[in-house]
Amino acid sequence: MLNYTIRRLLFAFPTLLAISFVIFAILDLSPGDPTGNLPLTIPPEVREQIRVSLGLGEPFPIRYLKWCQQFFINEPLNMIEHWFGITIGSGDRLRVLSWSTRSPVVDLVVERMPQTLWVVGMSQVVAVIIAVPIGVISAYKQYSIFDQVGTLISMIGFSVPTFFTGLVLIVIFSVHLGWLPSVYDTTLVVDSWGSFWMQVKQMAMPTMVLALATTAQISRFMRASMLDNLNQDYVRTARAKGLKERSVVMIHVLRNSMIPVVTVIALGIPGIFGGAIITENIFKVNGLGQLLINGIQGADIPLVQTLTFIFAFLIVMFNLIADVLYGLLDPRIRYD
C-alpha cells in the first residue's frame, strides 16, 4: 500500500508541473493589459515603464521560470518562516505580486481561504451525511414512496442551478421569514454562543445551496451502486448463512458500494469550489471565489494564474486521495 501511494504521489508532480505551464501560457497569451485601467492621459512611454516594472518586458520562458521559482520555492519558504518564526537564508525573496493591490497573492489567498473552507467544507459534510443514508434506503426499498421522493428531489438538485437556488432561499428565508441573513458577515468573530449561533445562521443558506447539488449526485451514485451489489452472489450467500439483514446491508453491501461513491465524493470537492464562485457572490462571502472574480474583472493575471492553479492542484490532490481510498477499500486495485 505504501509503494502504491508513493507511486501515485510521484505521478502527481509532473502532472501539476504540466498544468502550471498550460495555465500560465493560456493566461499570459490572453488579451489583457495591466495598464488598461489607467487614465488615458498617461503617456505611452510611462505605460511601457509600468509594464516593464511588472516583469512583462522579459521573454515568456523567463517569466514562467520566475513564476515557478516564486510560487514553488519562495512562497513555501516564506510560509515556513512565518509559521515557525525562523529565518531561512537572507529572507529577501521575490514573491508573486498582485497587479491590482501590489500585495503578495499568497497572502490574499491565505486571508480569504477560511471563509471558503467554512462554506465549502461544511456543505460537503452535510451532503455526505444526507446523501449516503438516502441512497442506501432508496436502493433497499426500490420503487417505494421514499425512493420516488428521493428521485424527485435528486432531479431537482441536478436540474436547478445554484444561483437560482440561492435567490429562492434568500427570498424565502431572508425576505419573507426573516430567519437568516442574506449577506455573509466576514468580520464576525466567534467568541461566544451568540456569535457562534450567528455564524451558523449566516452559513446555513450558502451551505445548503452547495450541498443540494452534491447530495443529489452522491445519493444517485449510492443508490445505483447498492442495487448492483444487492443482487450479487455473495449477498445471497451471506443471507443463506443466516446473517442478520442489517449486517448484510451495513457491513458487506455498504463497504463494496462505497468504492465508486468515494470517487464521486473526492472528485466533487474541487467542483464545489467552482460552484462556490457563484454562491459566494450571491451571499457576499469574502472568499476565494469572489477574489477570483475580482481578479478577472481587474485583469490581474498573477492573481488569476495562482488561483486557477490552486483549483487545479485541488483536483489532482483529491484524485490522489480517491486512488488511495480505492486501494484501502479494495486491495485488488493496488499495483503491489
Protein backbone atom coordinates (compact mmCIF):
# COMPACT_ATOMS: atom_id res chain seq x y z
CA MET A 1 0.00 0.00 0.00
CA LEU A 2 2.90 2.37 0.79
CA ASN A 3 4.55 1.73 -2.58
CA TYR A 4 1.22 2.24 -4.33
CA THR A 5 0.71 5.59 -2.53
CA ILE A 6 4.26 6.76 -3.30
CA ARG A 7 3.88 5.86 -6.97
CA ARG A 8 0.64 7.80 -7.22
CA LEU A 9 2.25 10.76 -5.42
CA LEU A 10 5.26 10.80 -7.74
CA PHE A 11 2.95 10.72 -10.75
CA ALA A 12 1.16 13.82 -9.42
CA PHE A 13 4.25 16.07 -9.53
CA PRO A 14 4.84 16.10 -13.33
CA THR A 15 1.08 16.41 -13.79
CA LEU A 16 0.99 19.56 -11.65
CA LEU A 17 4.03 20.98 -13.47
CA ALA A 18 2.37 20.45 -16.86
CA ILE A 19 -0.85 22.02 -15.59
CA SER A 20 1.05 25.05 -14.27
CA PHE A 21 2.68 25.58 -17.69
CA VAL A 22 -0.64 25.36 -19.53
CA ILE A 23 -2.37 27.76 -17.12
CA PHE A 24 0.49 30.24 -17.25
CA ALA A 25 0.70 30.10 -21.05
CA ILE A 26 -3.05 30.49 -21.65
CA LEU A 27 -3.45 33.42 -19.26
CA ASP A 28 -0.21 35.06 -20.36
CA LEU A 29 -1.22 34.91 -24.03
CA SER A 30 -4.76 36.12 -23.36
CA PRO A 31 -5.55 39.73 -24.33
CA GLY A 32 -5.26 41.98 -21.33
CA ASP A 33 -3.15 44.98 -20.39
CA PRO A 34 -2.39 45.82 -16.74
CA THR A 35 -2.26 49.49 -17.74
CA GLY A 36 -5.66 49.35 -19.43
CA ASN A 37 -7.48 50.78 -16.39
CA LEU A 38 -5.07 53.70 -16.01
CA PRO A 39 -6.10 57.21 -17.14
CA LEU A 40 -5.71 57.94 -20.85
CA THR A 41 -3.57 60.99 -20.05
CA ILE A 42 -0.64 58.77 -19.06
CA PRO A 43 1.98 58.87 -21.87
CA PRO A 44 2.82 55.64 -23.76
CA GLU A 45 6.42 55.64 -22.52
CA VAL A 46 5.22 55.72 -18.90
CA ARG A 47 2.82 52.85 -19.61
CA GLU A 48 5.71 50.86 -21.07
CA GLN A 49 7.81 51.56 -17.96
CA ILE A 50 4.95 50.29 -15.79
CA ARG A 51 4.68 47.12 -17.88
CA VAL A 52 8.45 46.56 -17.59
CA SER A 53 8.28 47.08 -13.81
CA LEU A 54 5.63 44.33 -13.65
CA GLY A 55 8.01 41.93 -15.41
CA LEU A 56 6.27 41.95 -18.78
CA GLY A 57 9.39 43.09 -20.64
CA GLU A 58 11.04 39.70 -20.33
CA PRO A 59 10.56 36.69 -22.65
CA PHE A 60 7.81 34.19 -21.87
CA PRO A 61 10.13 31.31 -20.75
CA ILE A 62 11.95 33.60 -18.30
CA ARG A 63 8.66 34.85 -16.81
CA TYR A 64 7.36 31.28 -16.43
CA LEU A 65 10.54 30.09 -14.71
CA LYS A 66 10.43 33.10 -12.38
CA TRP A 67 6.79 32.37 -11.53
CA CYS A 68 7.69 28.73 -10.78
CA GLN A 69 10.54 29.86 -8.53
CA GLN A 70 8.33 32.36 -6.72
CA PHE A 71 5.35 30.01 -6.31
CA PHE A 72 7.03 26.64 -5.69
CA ILE A 73 10.13 27.76 -3.75
CA ASN A 74 9.89 31.31 -2.39
CA GLU A 75 6.30 31.23 -1.16
CA PRO A 76 6.64 27.89 0.74
CA LEU A 77 9.84 29.17 2.38
CA ASN A 78 8.06 32.39 3.41
CA MET A 79 5.19 30.38 4.90
CA ILE A 80 7.61 28.13 6.84
CA GLU A 81 9.35 31.23 8.22
CA HIS A 82 6.00 32.75 9.20
CA TRP A 83 4.67 29.59 10.89
CA PHE A 84 7.82 28.66 12.84
CA GLY A 85 9.28 32.13 13.43
CA ILE A 86 12.63 31.30 11.82
CA THR A 87 14.70 32.85 9.03
CA ILE A 88 15.93 30.75 6.11
CA GLY A 89 18.69 32.37 4.06
CA SER A 90 18.55 36.12 3.52
CA GLY A 91 14.77 36.21 3.71
CA ASP A 92 14.71 38.67 0.79
CA ARG A 93 12.83 36.74 -1.91
CA LEU A 94 10.74 37.73 -4.89
CA ARG A 95 7.06 36.95 -4.39
CA VAL A 96 4.08 36.65 -6.73
CA LEU A 97 2.53 40.13 -6.51
CA SER A 98 -0.98 41.16 -7.44
CA TRP A 99 -1.06 43.80 -10.16
CA SER A 100 -4.06 45.49 -8.57
CA THR A 101 -3.08 45.66 -4.89
CA ARG A 102 0.72 45.14 -5.18
CA SER A 103 0.47 42.77 -2.23
CA PRO A 104 1.63 39.12 -2.32
CA VAL A 105 -1.00 36.89 -3.92
CA VAL A 106 -0.44 34.08 -1.42
CA ASP A 107 -1.23 36.47 1.45
CA LEU A 108 -4.54 37.34 -0.23
CA VAL A 109 -5.32 33.64 -0.67
CA VAL A 110 -4.49 32.83 2.96
CA GLU A 111 -6.68 35.72 4.09
CA ARG A 112 -9.70 34.56 2.05
CA MET A 113 -9.24 30.80 2.45
CA PRO A 114 -11.03 30.35 5.85
CA GLN A 115 -14.34 31.77 4.59
CA THR A 116 -14.33 29.45 1.58
CA LEU A 117 -13.33 26.41 3.63
CA TRP A 118 -16.07 27.07 6.16
CA VAL A 119 -18.75 27.14 3.48
CA VAL A 120 -17.37 24.51 1.08
CA GLY A 121 -16.19 22.09 3.75
CA MET A 122 -19.43 22.22 5.69
CA SER A 123 -21.50 21.79 2.53
CA GLN A 124 -19.58 18.62 1.64
CA VAL A 125 -20.01 17.20 5.15
CA VAL A 126 -23.74 17.94 5.10
CA ALA A 127 -24.08 16.44 1.62
CA VAL A 128 -22.37 13.16 2.56
CA ILE A 129 -24.33 12.82 5.82
CA ILE A 130 -27.63 13.26 3.97
CA ALA A 131 -26.85 11.51 0.67
CA VAL A 132 -25.43 8.18 1.85
CA PRO A 133 -28.45 7.16 4.00
CA ILE A 134 -30.84 8.32 1.27
CA GLY A 135 -29.00 6.24 -1.35
CA VAL A 136 -28.90 3.15 0.88
CA ILE A 137 -32.60 3.31 1.83
CA SER A 138 -33.67 4.12 -1.74
CA ALA A 139 -31.84 1.06 -3.07
CA TYR A 140 -33.02 -1.27 -0.33
CA LYS A 141 -36.62 -0.10 -0.75
CA GLN A 142 -36.55 0.24 -4.52
CA TYR A 143 -39.69 1.78 -6.11
CA SER A 144 -41.14 2.64 -2.68
CA ILE A 145 -42.55 6.09 -1.86
CA PHE A 146 -39.24 7.01 -0.20
CA ASP A 147 -37.38 6.02 -3.37
CA GLN A 148 -39.76 8.01 -5.58
CA VAL A 149 -39.48 11.13 -3.40
CA GLY A 150 -35.69 10.77 -3.24
CA THR A 151 -35.52 10.51 -7.03
CA LEU A 152 -37.69 13.63 -7.42
CA ILE A 153 -35.54 15.68 -5.03
CA SER A 154 -32.38 14.46 -6.75
CA MET A 155 -33.69 15.53 -10.15
CA ILE A 156 -34.45 18.96 -8.72
CA GLY A 157 -30.96 19.16 -7.25
CA PHE A 158 -29.43 18.20 -10.61
CA SER A 159 -31.60 20.50 -12.69
CA VAL A 160 -31.74 23.75 -10.73
CA PRO A 161 -28.55 25.89 -10.94
CA THR A 162 -27.00 27.16 -7.72
CA PHE A 163 -27.58 30.84 -8.46
CA PHE A 164 -31.33 30.21 -8.80
CA THR A 165 -31.45 28.08 -5.64
CA GLY A 166 -29.59 30.81 -3.76
CA LEU A 167 -32.01 33.51 -4.85
CA VAL A 168 -35.02 31.36 -3.93
CA LEU A 169 -33.62 30.72 -0.44
CA ILE A 170 -32.91 34.43 0.05
CA VAL A 171 -36.49 35.33 -0.91
CA ILE A 172 -37.98 32.70 1.41
CA PHE A 173 -35.74 32.75 4.50
CA SER A 174 -34.46 36.34 4.45
CA VAL A 175 -37.12 38.46 2.79
CA HIS A 176 -40.39 36.72 3.83
CA LEU A 177 -39.47 34.86 7.03
CA GLY A 178 -36.53 36.98 8.20
CA TRP A 179 -34.86 33.97 9.80
CA LEU A 180 -31.46 34.08 8.09
CA PRO A 181 -29.18 36.94 6.93
CA SER A 182 -28.78 37.27 3.17
CA VAL A 183 -25.27 38.79 3.42
CA TYR A 184 -22.34 36.89 4.93
CA ASP A 185 -20.52 38.96 7.59
CA THR A 186 -16.82 38.06 7.19
CA THR A 187 -15.85 40.37 10.08
CA LEU A 188 -17.81 38.29 12.61
CA VAL A 189 -15.58 36.95 15.41
CA VAL A 190 -16.85 33.75 17.04
CA ASP A 191 -16.06 34.17 20.74
CA SER A 192 -19.40 33.38 22.42
CA TRP A 193 -22.51 31.26 21.98
CA GLY A 194 -24.33 34.24 20.48
CA SER A 195 -21.68 34.84 17.82
CA PHE A 196 -21.46 31.09 17.18
CA TRP A 197 -25.21 30.93 16.56
CA MET A 198 -24.91 33.94 14.25
CA GLN A 199 -22.13 32.15 12.34
CA VAL A 200 -24.34 29.08 11.95
CA LYS A 201 -27.24 31.21 10.69
CA GLN A 202 -25.16 33.06 8.09
CA MET A 203 -23.58 29.81 6.87
CA ALA A 204 -26.91 27.99 6.57
CA MET A 205 -28.06 29.23 3.15
CA PRO A 206 -24.74 29.12 1.19
CA THR A 207 -24.02 25.71 2.70
CA MET A 208 -27.42 24.30 1.77
CA VAL A 209 -27.19 25.70 -1.77
CA LEU A 210 -23.89 23.91 -2.39
CA ALA A 211 -24.98 20.79 -0.52
CA LEU A 212 -28.20 20.37 -2.53
CA ALA A 213 -26.50 19.66 -5.84
CA THR A 214 -23.84 17.46 -4.23
CA THR A 215 -26.43 15.48 -2.26
CA ALA A 216 -28.38 14.73 -5.41
CA GLN A 217 -25.29 13.44 -7.21
CA ILE A 218 -23.93 11.30 -4.35
CA SER A 219 -27.32 9.78 -3.46
CA ARG A 220 -27.89 8.66 -7.07
CA PHE A 221 -24.47 7.02 -7.27
CA MET A 222 -25.01 5.44 -3.85
CA ARG A 223 -28.37 4.03 -4.92
CA ALA A 224 -27.04 2.59 -8.19
CA SER A 225 -24.01 1.06 -6.52
CA MET A 226 -26.13 -0.50 -3.76
CA LEU A 227 -28.52 -2.01 -6.32
CA ASP A 228 -25.61 -3.61 -8.18
CA ASN A 229 -24.26 -5.21 -5.02
CA LEU A 230 -27.61 -6.30 -3.55
CA ASN A 231 -28.03 -8.72 -6.47
CA GLN A 232 -24.55 -10.25 -6.19
CA ASP A 233 -23.95 -13.90 -5.23
CA TYR A 234 -22.02 -13.03 -2.07
CA VAL A 235 -25.11 -11.26 -0.69
CA ARG A 236 -27.27 -14.34 -1.29
CA THR A 237 -24.55 -16.47 0.34
CA ALA A 238 -24.42 -14.19 3.38
CA ARG A 239 -28.21 -14.36 3.75
CA ALA A 240 -28.17 -18.17 3.29
CA LYS A 241 -25.62 -18.45 6.12
CA GLY A 242 -28.16 -16.83 8.43
CA LEU A 243 -26.57 -13.40 8.87
CA LYS A 244 -28.89 -10.69 10.03
CA GLU A 245 -30.21 -8.49 7.24
CA ARG A 246 -28.78 -5.40 8.97
CA SER A 247 -25.29 -6.97 8.96
CA VAL A 248 -25.57 -7.99 5.32
CA VAL A 249 -26.54 -4.50 4.19
CA MET A 250 -24.49 -2.29 6.51
CA ILE A 251 -21.27 -4.34 6.56
CA HIS A 252 -20.96 -6.33 3.32
CA VAL A 253 -23.01 -4.41 0.76
CA LEU A 254 -22.28 -0.89 2.03
CA ARG A 255 -18.49 -1.36 2.04
CA ASN A 256 -18.38 -2.62 -1.53
CA SER A 257 -20.86 0.03 -2.67
CA MET A 258 -18.73 2.85 -1.29
CA ILE A 259 -15.90 2.25 -3.80
CA PRO A 260 -17.38 4.22 -6.73
CA VAL A 261 -19.04 6.69 -4.36
CA VAL A 262 -15.68 7.61 -2.84
CA THR A 263 -14.54 8.78 -6.27
CA VAL A 264 -17.64 10.91 -6.69
CA ILE A 265 -17.16 12.48 -3.26
CA ALA A 266 -13.43 13.12 -3.70
CA LEU A 267 -13.68 14.48 -7.23
CA GLY A 268 -16.75 16.51 -6.32
CA ILE A 269 -14.93 18.69 -3.79
CA PRO A 270 -12.97 20.74 -6.38
CA GLY A 271 -16.21 21.13 -8.32
CA ILE A 272 -17.81 22.62 -5.23
CA PHE A 273 -15.05 25.23 -5.15
CA GLY A 274 -16.14 26.14 -8.68
CA GLY A 275 -19.76 26.35 -7.60
CA ALA A 276 -18.70 28.45 -4.64
CA ILE A 277 -17.54 31.16 -7.06
CA ILE A 278 -21.19 31.89 -7.89
CA THR A 279 -22.55 31.20 -4.41
CA GLU A 280 -20.00 33.45 -2.72
CA ASN A 281 -21.00 36.33 -4.96
CA ILE A 282 -24.71 35.79 -4.26
CA PHE A 283 -24.27 35.77 -0.47
CA LYS A 284 -21.31 38.24 -0.47
CA VAL A 285 -18.95 35.71 1.11
CA ASN A 286 -15.47 37.25 1.07
CA GLY A 287 -13.79 34.03 -0.10
CA LEU A 288 -11.63 32.70 -2.93
CA GLY A 289 -14.48 32.70 -5.45
CA GLN A 290 -15.09 36.41 -5.01
CA LEU A 291 -11.32 37.03 -5.12
CA LEU A 292 -11.12 35.20 -8.46
CA ILE A 293 -13.98 37.24 -9.91
CA ASN A 294 -12.27 40.46 -8.77
CA GLY A 295 -9.02 39.28 -10.36
CA ILE A 296 -10.71 38.53 -13.70
CA GLN A 297 -12.55 41.84 -13.75
CA GLY A 298 -9.35 43.76 -12.95
CA ALA A 299 -7.18 41.78 -15.44
CA ASP A 300 -4.96 40.81 -12.51
CA ILE A 301 -3.14 37.98 -14.31
CA PRO A 302 -0.83 36.85 -11.44
CA LEU A 303 -3.82 36.55 -9.10
CA VAL A 304 -5.89 34.60 -11.64
CA GLN A 305 -2.94 32.33 -12.52
CA THR A 306 -2.34 31.48 -8.88
CA LEU A 307 -5.99 30.85 -8.01
CA THR A 308 -6.55 28.76 -11.15
CA PHE A 309 -3.51 26.64 -10.34
CA ILE A 310 -4.73 26.20 -6.75
CA PHE A 311 -8.07 24.87 -8.05
CA ALA A 312 -6.17 22.52 -10.42
CA PHE A 313 -3.95 21.45 -7.51
CA LEU A 314 -7.07 20.56 -5.51
CA ILE A 315 -8.37 18.40 -8.37
CA VAL A 316 -5.07 16.48 -8.61
CA MET A 317 -4.81 16.04 -4.83
CA PHE A 318 -8.37 14.78 -4.44
CA ASN A 319 -7.77 12.40 -7.37
CA LEU A 320 -4.81 11.10 -5.39
CA ILE A 321 -6.94 10.78 -2.24
CA ALA A 322 -9.59 8.88 -4.22
CA ASP A 323 -6.95 6.47 -5.56
CA VAL A 324 -5.60 5.83 -2.06
CA LEU A 325 -9.10 5.24 -0.67
CA TYR A 326 -9.71 2.89 -3.61
CA GLY A 327 -6.72 0.86 -2.52
CA LEU A 328 -7.91 0.78 1.06
CA LEU A 329 -11.44 -0.33 0.19
CA ASP A 330 -10.43 -2.87 -2.47
CA PRO A 331 -6.91 -4.39 -2.14
CA ARG A 332 -7.13 -5.80 -5.69
CA ILE A 333 -6.71 -2.26 -7.06
CA ARG A 334 -3.23 -1.82 -5.53
CA TYR A 335 -0.46 -2.29 -8.03
CA ASP A 336 1.69 -4.14 -5.50
